[in-house]
């Protein structure tokens, strides 16, 4: 718990940590940006579930993998994690800095 806020803290993953997990087949990326942003470029293999209509019940079965949310900079993925917590979904991790951090780390995107 964060003192004074009474809610669970979000776990953050660095771009390099996420890239490693993806290469090992241990993570699934859920991109909560809007469809036009997603179409302009996203982490390879990411699934688009825009925040504007996001419901934790729509998350895919992770099949033993870690679900990691991402957006452009980390703000919208944090909001989506709040929605997951409210729905008691077992998702608590997002990409620190979002796609901006991913591209700044020199990692590939797909369109």
Protein backbone atom coordinates (compact mmCIF):
# COMPACT_ATOMS: atom_id res chain seq x y z
CA UNK A 1 0.00 0.00 0.00
CA UNK A 2 1.09 3.56 -0.63
CA UNK A 3 0.76 5.59 2.55
CA UNK A 4 -2.20 7.93 2.41
CA UNK A 5 -3.66 6.52 -0.79
CA UNK A 6 -4.89 3.08 0.26
CA UNK A 7 -4.40 1.45 -3.11
CA UNK A 8 -1.98 -1.06 -4.50
CA UNK A 9 1.07 0.29 -6.25
CA UNK A 10 1.52 -0.60 -9.91
CA UNK A 11 4.51 -2.72 -10.81
CA UNK A 12 6.65 -1.21 -13.54
CA UNK A 13 8.81 -3.05 -16.02
CA UNK A 14 11.63 -1.46 -18.02
CA UNK A 15 11.70 -1.76 -21.81
CA UNK A 16 14.70 -4.13 -21.64
CA UNK A 17 12.99 -6.35 -19.05
CA UNK A 18 9.86 -6.54 -21.19
CA UNK A 19 11.83 -7.23 -24.37
CA UNK A 20 13.62 -10.10 -22.63
CA UNK A 21 10.34 -11.58 -21.38
CA UNK A 22 8.78 -11.30 -24.84
CA UNK A 23 11.77 -13.03 -26.44
CA UNK A 24 11.39 -15.85 -23.89
CA UNK A 25 7.65 -16.11 -24.57
CA UNK A 26 6.84 -15.15 -20.96
CA UNK A 27 4.75 -11.97 -21.49
CA UNK A 28 1.79 -10.63 -23.46
CA UNK A 29 1.55 -6.89 -24.14
CA UNK A 30 -1.82 -5.16 -23.97
CA UNK A 31 -1.63 -1.73 -25.63
CA UNK A 32 -4.32 0.62 -24.28
CA UNK A 33 -3.74 3.43 -26.80
CA UNK A 34 -6.44 4.29 -29.31
CA UNK A 35 -6.59 2.31 -32.61
CA UNK A 36 -5.05 5.10 -34.72
CA UNK A 37 -2.06 5.31 -32.34
CA UNK A 38 -1.69 1.52 -32.31
CA UNK A 39 -1.80 1.41 -36.13
CA UNK A 40 1.02 3.98 -36.32
CA UNK A 41 3.36 1.62 -34.45
CA UNK A 42 3.34 -0.76 -31.50
CA UNK A 43 5.40 -3.35 -29.66
CA UNK A 44 5.57 -6.49 -31.81
CA UNK A 45 2.78 -8.91 -30.95
CA UNK A 46 0.85 -6.41 -28.80
CA UNK A 47 -2.94 -6.67 -28.50
CA UNK A 48 -4.91 -3.41 -28.75
CA UNK A 49 -7.57 -2.83 -26.06
CA UNK A 50 -8.09 0.97 -26.04
CA UNK A 51 -8.56 2.66 -22.68
CA UNK A 52 -11.67 4.47 -24.00
CA UNK A 53 -13.57 1.16 -23.88
CA UNK A 54 -11.28 -0.84 -21.60
CA UNK A 55 -12.81 -3.56 -19.46
CA UNK A 56 -10.70 -6.04 -17.49
CA UNK A 57 -13.13 -8.77 -18.56
CA UNK A 58 -11.85 -8.35 -22.16
CA UNK A 59 -8.28 -9.25 -21.26
CA UNK A 60 -7.09 -12.42 -22.96
CA UNK A 61 -6.27 -15.55 -20.99
CA UNK A 62 -2.54 -15.10 -20.28
CA UNK A 63 -1.95 -18.87 -20.47
CA UNK A 64 0.73 -18.66 -17.79
CA UNK A 65 2.31 -15.51 -19.20
CA UNK A 66 2.53 -12.10 -17.56
CA UNK A 67 0.10 -9.52 -18.94
CA UNK A 68 1.87 -6.16 -19.27
CA UNK A 69 -0.09 -3.03 -20.15
CA UNK A 70 1.42 -0.19 -22.15
CA UNK A 71 0.46 3.15 -23.69
CA UNK A 72 2.39 6.15 -25.04
CA UNK A 73 4.04 7.29 -21.79
CA UNK A 74 2.62 5.28 -18.88
CA UNK A 75 -0.34 7.39 -17.75
CA UNK A 76 -3.16 5.55 -19.57
CA UNK A 77 -1.74 2.13 -18.76
CA UNK A 78 -1.75 3.15 -15.07
CA UNK A 79 -5.43 4.15 -15.41
CA UNK A 80 -6.16 0.77 -17.02
CA UNK A 81 -4.37 -0.95 -14.12
CA UNK A 82 -6.68 0.94 -11.73
CA UNK A 83 -9.63 -0.51 -13.66
CA UNK A 84 -8.09 -3.99 -13.38
CA UNK A 85 -7.67 -3.55 -9.62
CA UNK A 86 -11.30 -2.42 -9.27
CA UNK A 87 -12.40 -5.53 -11.19
CA UNK A 88 -10.08 -7.68 -9.07
CA UNK A 89 -8.19 -8.78 -12.17
CA UNK A 90 -4.75 -10.26 -11.56
CA UNK A 91 -2.99 -7.63 -13.68
CA UNK A 92 -0.67 -5.17 -11.92
CA UNK A 93 2.24 -4.49 -14.31
CA UNK A 94 2.83 -1.87 -16.97
CA UNK A 95 5.72 -0.65 -19.10
CA UNK A 96 7.50 2.25 -17.40
CA UNK A 97 7.50 5.20 -19.80
CA UNK A 98 5.32 3.40 -22.34
CA UNK A 99 6.09 3.21 -26.05
CA UNK A 100 8.20 6.37 -25.78
CA UNK A 101 10.62 4.57 -23.46
CA UNK A 102 10.50 1.45 -25.66
CA UNK A 103 11.57 3.37 -28.78
CA UNK A 104 14.11 5.46 -26.81
CA UNK A 105 15.71 2.15 -25.79
CA UNK A 106 16.15 1.37 -29.50
CA UNK A 107 13.69 -1.52 -29.51
CA UNK A 108 11.70 -2.45 -32.60
CA UNK A 109 8.09 -1.53 -33.29
CA UNK A 110 5.74 -2.96 -35.88
CA UNK A 111 3.07 -1.22 -37.95
